[in-house]
Amino acid sequence: MEREKILQRISIDPAVCFGKPCIRGTRIWVSLILDNLAEGVSEAELLSEYPGLAPADIRAAIAYGAEMARERFVNVSMEKTA
C-alpha cells in the first residue's frame, strides 16, 4: 500500500481524543499502537485486543510514527552500552 494511501487511515480531529492522531473511525491512538509494539506486543495480540483494528491500521501507525520522526528530534541518551 502506498504511503499516502496508508496514512489516510489516520485522522486528527480536535473533537476526538483531544486531537491526538487516531486510527480513522476509532478512538485508538496511534501512540497506543506504537507503545504496544515497542513493548513487544505482537500484531496478532493487538488485533485480538482491539477488534476494530486491521493489519493495515498497524502499518499506518508505524508509517505515521516514521513521518513524525523525520519532523522532530527526540533527545535520547548517548550512553555507551557494554
PDB file of N, CA and C in Angstrom:
ATOM      1  N   MET A   1       0.847  -1.181   0.000  1.00  0.00           N
ATOM      2  CA  MET A   1       0.000   0.000   0.000  1.00  0.00           C
ATOM      3  C   MET A   1       0.892   1.244   0.000  1.00  0.00           C
ATOM      4  N   GLU A   2       0.585   2.240  -0.833  1.00  0.00           N
ATOM      5  CA  GLU A   2       1.369   3.458  -0.895  1.00  0.00           C
ATOM      6  C   GLU A   2       1.282   4.222   0.416  1.00  0.00           C
ATOM      7  N   ARG A   3       2.398   4.916   0.733  1.00  0.00           N
ATOM      8  CA  ARG A   3       2.460   5.668   1.991  1.00  0.00           C
ATOM      9  C   ARG A   3       1.295   6.652   2.119  1.00  0.00           C
ATOM     10  N   GLU A   4       1.016   7.428   1.085  1.00  0.00           N
ATOM     11  CA  GLU A   4      -0.068   8.410   1.153  1.00  0.00           C
ATOM     12  C   GLU A   4      -1.410   7.734   1.424  1.00  0.00           C
ATOM     13  N   LYS A   5      -1.639   6.616   0.769  1.00  0.00           N
ATOM     14  CA  LYS A   5      -2.914   5.914   0.945  1.00  0.00           C
ATOM     15  C   LYS A   5      -3.016   5.333   2.355  1.00  0.00           C
ATOM     16  N   ILE A   6      -1.926   4.749   2.836  1.00  0.00           N
ATOM     17  CA  ILE A   6      -1.992   4.143   4.175  1.00  0.00           C
ATOM     18  C   ILE A   6      -2.139   5.210   5.250  1.00  0.00           C
ATOM     19  N   LEU A   7      -1.536   6.378   5.036  1.00  0.00           N
ATOM     20  CA  LEU A   7      -1.656   7.441   6.034  1.00  0.00           C
ATOM     21  C   LEU A   7      -3.075   8.012   6.093  1.00  0.00           C
ATOM     22  N   GLN A   8      -3.900   7.741   5.096  1.00  0.00           N
ATOM     23  CA  GLN A   8      -5.297   8.172   5.138  1.00  0.00           C
ATOM     24  C   GLN A   8      -6.081   7.404   6.209  1.00  0.00           C
ATOM     25  N   ARG A   9      -5.492   6.350   6.741  1.00  0.00           N
ATOM     26  CA  ARG A   9      -6.142   5.578   7.813  1.00  0.00           C
ATOM     27  C   ARG A   9      -6.016   6.296   9.159  1.00  0.00           C
ATOM     28  N   ILE A  10      -5.227   7.365   9.202  1.00  0.00           N
ATOM     29  CA  ILE A  10      -5.014   8.150  10.422  1.00  0.00           C
ATOM     30  C   ILE A  10      -5.875   9.407  10.345  1.00  0.00           C
ATOM     31  N   SER A  11      -6.497   9.758  11.453  1.00  0.00           N
ATOM     32  CA  SER A  11      -7.257  11.012  11.493  1.00  0.00           C
ATOM     33  C   SER A  11      -6.832  11.826  12.707  1.00  0.00           C
ATOM     34  N   ILE A  12      -6.917  13.132  12.543  1.00  0.00           N
ATOM     35  CA  ILE A  12      -6.656  14.064  13.639  1.00  0.00           C
ATOM     36  C   ILE A  12      -7.838  15.024  13.659  1.00  0.00           C
ATOM     37  N   ASP A  13      -8.609  14.929  14.723  1.00  0.00           N
ATOM     38  CA  ASP A  13      -9.818  15.732  14.852  1.00  0.00           C
ATOM     39  C   ASP A  13      -9.829  16.308  16.262  1.00  0.00           C
ATOM     40  N   PRO A  14      -9.817  17.641  16.390  1.00  0.00           N
ATOM     41  CA  PRO A  14      -9.807  18.252  17.728  1.00  0.00           C
ATOM     42  C   PRO A  14     -10.970  17.796  18.614  1.00  0.00           C
ATOM     43  N   ALA A  15     -12.050  17.323  18.023  1.00  0.00           N
ATOM     44  CA  ALA A  15     -13.221  16.876  18.791  1.00  0.00           C
ATOM     45  C   ALA A  15     -13.125  15.412  19.212  1.00  0.00           C
ATOM     46  N   VAL A  16     -12.081  14.711  18.759  1.00  0.00           N
ATOM     47  CA  VAL A  16     -11.915  13.290  19.089  1.00  0.00           C
ATOM     48  C   VAL A  16     -10.569  13.088  19.772  1.00  0.00           C
ATOM     49  N   CYS A  17     -10.591  12.537  20.965  1.00  0.00           N
ATOM     50  CA  CYS A  17      -9.368  12.209  21.710  1.00  0.00           C
ATOM     51  C   CYS A  17      -8.409  13.391  21.807  1.00  0.00           C
ATOM     52  N   PHE A  18      -8.968  14.573  22.058  1.00  0.00           N
ATOM     53  CA  PHE A  18      -8.156  15.775  22.278  1.00  0.00           C
ATOM     54  C   PHE A  18      -7.279  16.124  21.077  1.00  0.00           C
ATOM     55  N   GLY A  19      -7.656  15.676  19.885  1.00  0.00           N
ATOM     56  CA  GLY A  19      -6.885  15.983  18.689  1.00  0.00           C
ATOM     57  C   GLY A  19      -5.664  15.109  18.478  1.00  0.00           C
ATOM     58  N   LYS A  20      -5.540  14.051  19.281  1.00  0.00           N
ATOM     59  CA  LYS A  20      -4.409  13.139  19.101  1.00  0.00           C
ATOM     60  C   LYS A  20      -4.640  12.291  17.847  1.00  0.00           C
ATOM     61  N   PRO A  21      -3.568  11.940  17.134  1.00  0.00           N
ATOM     62  CA  PRO A  21      -3.723  11.085  15.954  1.00  0.00           C
ATOM     63  C   PRO A  21      -4.317   9.730  16.347  1.00  0.00           C
ATOM     64  N   CYS A  22      -5.384   9.354  15.657  1.00  0.00           N
ATOM     65  CA  CYS A  22      -6.088   8.092  15.917  1.00  0.00           C
ATOM     66  C   CYS A  22      -6.260   7.338  14.610  1.00  0.00           C
ATOM     67  N   ILE A  23      -6.553   6.063  14.748  1.00  0.00           N
ATOM     68  CA  ILE A  23      -6.962   5.284  13.594  1.00  0.00           C
ATOM     69  C   ILE A  23      -8.352   5.784  13.196  1.00  0.00           C
ATOM     70  N   ARG A  24      -8.505   6.147  11.932  1.00  0.00           N
ATOM     71  CA  ARG A  24      -9.754   6.730  11.447  1.00  0.00           C
ATOM     72  C   ARG A  24     -10.955   5.863  11.836  1.00  0.00           C
ATOM     73  N   GLY A  25     -11.987   6.529  12.368  1.00  0.00           N
ATOM     74  CA  GLY A  25     -13.211   5.832  12.736  1.00  0.00           C
ATOM     75  C   GLY A  25     -13.153   5.154  14.103  1.00  0.00           C
ATOM     76  N   THR A  26     -12.035   5.324  14.809  1.00  0.00           N
ATOM     77  CA  THR A  26     -11.899   4.738  16.149  1.00  0.00           C
ATOM     78  C   THR A  26     -11.389   5.808  17.113  1.00  0.00           C
ATOM     79  N   ARG A  27     -11.246   5.424  18.337  1.00  0.00           N
ATOM     80  CA  ARG A  27     -10.600   6.273  19.334  1.00  0.00           C
ATOM     81  C   ARG A  27      -9.288   5.616  19.794  1.00  0.00           C
ATOM     82  N   ILE A  28      -8.717   4.842  18.911  1.00  0.00           N
ATOM     83  CA  ILE A  28      -7.454   4.154  19.216  1.00  0.00           C
ATOM     84  C   ILE A  28      -6.308   5.053  18.775  1.00  0.00           C
ATOM     85  N   TRP A  29      -5.542   5.522  19.741  1.00  0.00           N
ATOM     86  CA  TRP A  29      -4.429   6.431  19.462  1.00  0.00           C
ATOM     87  C   TRP A  29      -3.305   5.719  18.729  1.00  0.00           C
ATOM     88  N   VAL A  30      -2.707   6.422  17.793  1.00  0.00           N
ATOM     89  CA  VAL A  30      -1.512   5.925  17.115  1.00  0.00           C
ATOM     90  C   VAL A  30      -0.426   5.623  18.151  1.00  0.00           C
ATOM     91  N   SER A  31      -0.277   6.506  19.121  1.00  0.00           N
ATOM     92  CA  SER A  31       0.759   6.314  20.141  1.00  0.00           C
ATOM     93  C   SER A  31       0.528   5.044  20.953  1.00  0.00           C
ATOM     94  N   LEU A  32      -0.729   4.669  21.177  1.00  0.00           N
ATOM     95  CA  LEU A  32      -1.035   3.435  21.904  1.00  0.00           C
ATOM     96  C   LEU A  32      -0.520   2.231  21.125  1.00  0.00           C
ATOM     97  N   ILE A  33      -0.750   2.239  19.816  1.00  0.00           N
ATOM     98  CA  ILE A  33      -0.274   1.136  18.981  1.00  0.00           C
ATOM     99  C   ILE A  33       1.248   1.081  18.995  1.00  0.00           C
ATOM    100  N   LEU A  34       1.894   2.229  18.821  1.00  0.00           N
ATOM    101  CA  LEU A  34       3.354   2.263  18.793  1.00  0.00           C
ATOM    102  C   LEU A  34       3.954   1.865  20.141  1.00  0.00           C
ATOM    103  N   ASP A  35       3.361   2.334  21.221  1.00  0.00           N
ATOM    104  CA  ASP A  35       3.843   1.948  22.560  1.00  0.00           C
ATOM    105  C   ASP A  35       3.750   0.442  22.754  1.00  0.00           C
ATOM    106  N   ASN A  36       2.632  -0.141  22.351  1.00  0.00           N
ATOM    107  CA  ASN A  36       2.463  -1.588  22.493  1.00  0.00           C
ATOM    108  C   ASN A  36       3.493  -2.352  21.669  1.00  0.00           C
ATOM    109  N   LEU A  37       3.699  -1.928  20.433  1.00  0.00           N
ATOM    110  CA  LEU A  37       4.701  -2.592  19.591  1.00  0.00           C
ATOM    111  C   LEU A  37       6.091  -2.467  20.207  1.00  0.00           C
ATOM    112  N   ALA A  38       6.403  -1.293  20.758  1.00  0.00           N
ATOM    113  CA  ALA A  38       7.708  -1.075  21.394  1.00  0.00           C
ATOM    114  C   ALA A  38       7.892  -1.972  22.615  1.00  0.00           C
ATOM    115  N   GLU A  39       6.795  -2.300  23.278  1.00  0.00           N
ATOM    116  CA  GLU A  39       6.850  -3.166  24.456  1.00  0.00           C
ATOM    117  C   GLU A  39       6.908  -4.648  24.091  1.00  0.00           C
ATOM    118  N   GLY A  40       6.817  -4.936  22.791  1.00  0.00           N
ATOM    119  CA  GLY A  40       6.908  -6.327  22.360  1.00  0.00           C
ATOM    120  C   GLY A  40       5.576  -7.005  22.117  1.00  0.00           C
ATOM    121  N   VAL A  41       4.489  -6.251  22.189  1.00  0.00           N
ATOM    122  CA  VAL A  41       3.176  -6.826  21.898  1.00  0.00           C
ATOM    123  C   VAL A  41       3.133  -7.130  20.400  1.00  0.00           C
ATOM    124  N   SER A  42       2.703  -8.312  20.051  1.00  0.00           N
ATOM    125  CA  SER A  42       2.680  -8.705  18.639  1.00  0.00           C
ATOM    126  C   SER A  42       1.484  -8.090  17.918  1.00  0.00           C
ATOM    127  N   GLU A  43       1.573  -8.082  16.597  1.00  0.00           N
ATOM    128  CA  GLU A  43       0.455  -7.607  15.785  1.00  0.00           C
ATOM    129  C   GLU A  43      -0.792  -8.445  16.072  1.00  0.00           C
ATOM    130  N   ALA A  44      -0.630  -9.749  16.174  1.00  0.00           N
ATOM    131  CA  ALA A  44      -1.769 -10.631  16.450  1.00  0.00           C
ATOM    132  C   ALA A  44      -2.422 -10.286  17.792  1.00  0.00           C
ATOM    133  N   GLU A  45      -1.615  -9.995  18.802  1.00  0.00           N
ATOM    134  CA  GLU A  45      -2.165  -9.625  20.110  1.00  0.00           C
ATOM    135  C   GLU A  45      -2.936  -8.314  20.025  1.00  0.00           C
ATOM    136  N   LEU A  46      -2.376  -7.339  19.294  1.00  0.00           N
ATOM    137  CA  LEU A  46      -3.072  -6.054  19.135  1.00  0.00           C
ATOM    138  C   LEU A  46      -4.415  -6.238  18.441  1.00  0.00           C
ATOM    139  N   LEU A  47      -4.414  -7.044  17.379  1.00  0.00           N
ATOM    140  CA  LEU A  47      -5.649  -7.269  16.640  1.00  0.00           C
ATOM    141  C   LEU A  47      -6.686  -7.990  17.496  1.00  0.00           C
ATOM    142  N   SER A  48      -6.225  -8.853  18.382  1.00  0.00           N
ATOM    143  CA  SER A  48      -7.132  -9.563  19.283  1.00  0.00           C
ATOM    144  C   SER A  48      -7.676  -8.624  20.362  1.00  0.00           C
ATOM    145  N   GLU A  49      -6.811  -7.784  20.898  1.00  0.00           N
ATOM    146  CA  GLU A  49      -7.185  -6.854  21.975  1.00  0.00           C
ATOM    147  C   GLU A  49      -8.100  -5.729  21.469  1.00  0.00           C
ATOM    148  N   TYR A  50      -7.877  -5.308  20.239  1.00  0.00           N
ATOM    149  CA  TYR A  50      -8.639  -4.207  19.643  1.00  0.00           C
ATOM    150  C   TYR A  50      -9.293  -4.699  18.348  1.00  0.00           C
ATOM    151  N   PRO A  51     -10.449  -5.327  18.443  1.00  0.00           N
ATOM    152  CA  PRO A  51     -11.090  -5.940  17.268  1.00  0.00           C
ATOM    153  C   PRO A  51     -11.392  -4.959  16.140  1.00  0.00           C
ATOM    154  N   GLY A  52     -11.453  -3.676  16.425  1.00  0.00           N
ATOM    155  CA  GLY A  52     -11.706  -2.686  15.380  1.00  0.00           C
ATOM    156  C   GLY A  52     -10.498  -2.407  14.506  1.00  0.00           C
ATOM    157  N   LEU A  53      -9.335  -2.915  14.909  1.00  0.00           N
ATOM    158  CA  LEU A  53      -8.101  -2.688  14.143  1.00  0.00           C
ATOM    159  C   LEU A  53      -7.957  -3.695  13.016  1.00  0.00           C
ATOM    160  N   ALA A  54      -7.312  -3.248  11.954  1.00  0.00           N
ATOM    161  CA  ALA A  54      -6.933  -4.121  10.838  1.00  0.00           C
ATOM    162  C   ALA A  54      -5.415  -4.076  10.725  1.00  0.00           C
ATOM    163  N   PRO A  55      -4.810  -5.081  10.129  1.00  0.00           N
ATOM    164  CA  PRO A  55      -3.354  -5.054   9.956  1.00  0.00           C
ATOM    165  C   PRO A  55      -2.865  -3.766   9.285  1.00  0.00           C
ATOM    166  N   ALA A  56      -3.619  -3.245   8.330  1.00  0.00           N
ATOM    167  CA  ALA A  56      -3.221  -2.003   7.659  1.00  0.00           C
ATOM    168  C   ALA A  56      -3.218  -0.820   8.623  1.00  0.00           C
ATOM    169  N   ASP A  57      -4.061  -0.860   9.667  1.00  0.00           N
ATOM    170  CA  ASP A  57      -4.069   0.209  10.667  1.00  0.00           C
ATOM    171  C   ASP A  57      -2.754   0.222  11.440  1.00  0.00           C
ATOM    172  N   ILE A  58      -2.245  -0.942  11.752  1.00  0.00           N
ATOM    173  CA  ILE A  58      -0.972  -1.032  12.472  1.00  0.00           C
ATOM    174  C   ILE A  58       0.152  -0.502  11.589  1.00  0.00           C
ATOM    175  N   ARG A  59       0.148  -0.866  10.311  1.00  0.00           N
ATOM    176  CA  ARG A  59       1.151  -0.336   9.380  1.00  0.00           C
ATOM    177  C   ARG A  59       1.021   1.179   9.245  1.00  0.00           C
ATOM    178  N   ALA A  60      -0.209   1.686   9.261  1.00  0.00           N
ATOM    179  CA  ALA A  60      -0.434   3.129   9.185  1.00  0.00           C
ATOM    180  C   ALA A  60       0.145   3.832  10.404  1.00  0.00           C
ATOM    181  N   ALA A  61      -0.029   3.242  11.579  1.00  0.00           N
ATOM    182  CA  ALA A  61       0.538   3.828  12.796  1.00  0.00           C
ATOM    183  C   ALA A  61       2.055   3.880  12.711  1.00  0.00           C
ATOM    184  N   ILE A  62       2.670   2.820  12.214  1.00  0.00           N
ATOM    185  CA  ILE A  62       4.124   2.786  12.062  1.00  0.00           C
ATOM    186  C   ILE A  62       4.570   3.834  11.048  1.00  0.00           C
ATOM    187  N   ALA A  63       3.853   3.930   9.932  1.00  0.00           N
ATOM    188  CA  ALA A  63       4.189   4.913   8.899  1.00  0.00           C
ATOM    189  C   ALA A  63       4.058   6.336   9.452  1.00  0.00           C
ATOM    190  N   TYR A  64       3.021   6.575  10.236  1.00  0.00           N
ATOM    191  CA  TYR A  64       2.828   7.897  10.834  1.00  0.00           C
ATOM    192  C   TYR A  64       3.978   8.207  11.797  1.00  0.00           C
ATOM    193  N   GLY A  65       4.345   7.226  12.604  1.00  0.00           N
ATOM    194  CA  GLY A  65       5.473   7.411  13.520  1.00  0.00           C
ATOM    195  C   GLY A  65       6.760   7.723  12.769  1.00  0.00           C
ATOM    196  N   ALA A  66       6.975   7.057  11.644  1.00  0.00           N
ATOM    197  CA  ALA A  66       8.168   7.314  10.830  1.00  0.00           C
ATOM    198  C   ALA A  66       8.145   8.741  10.288  1.00  0.00           C
ATOM    199  N   GLU A  67       6.978   9.193   9.835  1.00  0.00           N
ATOM    200  CA  GLU A  67       6.859  10.570   9.339  1.00  0.00           C
ATOM    201  C   GLU A  67       7.168  11.569  10.449  1.00  0.00           C
ATOM    202  N   MET A  68       6.644  11.318  11.627  1.00  0.00           N
ATOM    203  CA  MET A  68       6.891  12.225  12.753  1.00  0.00           C
ATOM    204  C   MET A  68       8.367  12.236  13.145  1.00  0.00           C
ATOM    205  N   ALA A  69       9.032  11.103  13.054  1.00  0.00           N
ATOM    206  CA  ALA A  69      10.452  11.031  13.410  1.00  0.00           C
ATOM    207  C   ALA A  69      11.285  11.871  12.443  1.00  0.00           C
ATOM    208  N   ARG A  70      10.838  12.027  11.229  1.00  0.00           N
ATOM    209  CA  ARG A  70      11.545  12.871  10.269  1.00  0.00           C
ATOM    210  C   ARG A  70      11.396  14.345  10.620  1.00  0.00           C
ATOM    211  N   GLU A  71      10.320  14.683  11.309  1.00  0.00           N
ATOM    212  CA  GLU A  71       9.993  16.077  11.588  1.00  0.00           C
ATOM    213  C   GLU A  71      10.456  16.566  12.949  1.00  0.00           C
ATOM    214  N   ARG A  72      10.738  15.662  13.857  1.00  0.00           N
ATOM    215  CA  ARG A  72      11.015  16.056  15.229  1.00  0.00           C
ATOM    216  C   ARG A  72      12.239  15.364  15.750  1.00  0.00           C
ATOM    217  N   PHE A  73      12.999  16.061  16.558  1.00  0.00           N
ATOM    218  CA  PHE A  73      14.169  15.479  17.193  1.00  0.00           C
ATOM    219  C   PHE A  73      13.783  15.045  18.604  1.00  0.00           C
ATOM    220  N   VAL A  74      14.079  13.816  18.939  1.00  0.00           N
ATOM    221  CA  VAL A  74      13.813  13.296  20.277  1.00  0.00           C
ATOM    222  C   VAL A  74      15.159  13.033  20.929  1.00  0.00           C
ATOM    223  N   ASN A  75      15.410  13.681  22.040  1.00  0.00           N
ATOM    224  CA  ASN A  75      16.683  13.532  22.731  1.00  0.00           C
ATOM    225  C   ASN A  75      16.736  12.162  23.408  1.00  0.00           C
ATOM    226  N   VAL A  76      17.712  11.357  23.027  1.00  0.00           N
ATOM    227  CA  VAL A  76      17.917  10.058  23.655  1.00  0.00           C
ATOM    228  C   VAL A  76      19.321  10.005  24.218  1.00  0.00           C
ATOM    229  N   SER A  77      19.515   9.239  25.229  1.00  0.00           N
ATOM    230  CA  SER A  77      20.798   9.119  25.885  1.00  0.00           C
ATOM    231  C   SER A  77      21.837   8.572  24.929  1.00  0.00           C
ATOM    232  N   MET A  78      23.017   9.117  24.985  1.00  0.00           N
ATOM    233  CA  MET A  78      24.111   8.684  24.126  1.00  0.00           C
ATOM    234  C   MET A  78      25.092   7.798  24.904  1.00  0.00           C
ATOM    235  N   GLU A  79      24.624   7.217  26.012  1.00  0.00           N
ATOM    236  CA  GLU A  79      25.485   6.361  26.825  1.00  0.00           C
ATOM    237  C   GLU A  79      25.921   5.151  26.026  1.00  0.00           C
ATOM    238  N   LYS A  80      27.164   4.756  26.267  1.00  0.00           N
ATOM    239  CA  LYS A  80      27.672   3.558  25.601  1.00  0.00           C
ATOM    240  C   LYS A  80      27.142   2.331  26.341  1.00  0.00           C
ATOM    241  N   THR A  81      26.824   1.316  25.572  1.00  0.00           N
ATOM    242  CA  THR A  81      26.422   0.057  26.178  1.00  0.00           C
ATOM    243  C   THR A  81      27.621  -0.885  26.132  1.00  0.00           C
ATOM    244  N   ALA A  82      27.758  -1.662  27.163  1.00  0.00           N
ATOM    245  CA  ALA A  82      28.929  -2.546  27.279  1.00  0.00           C
ATOM    246  C   ALA A  82      28.874  -3.705  26.380  1.00  0.00           C
TER     247      ALA A  82
END
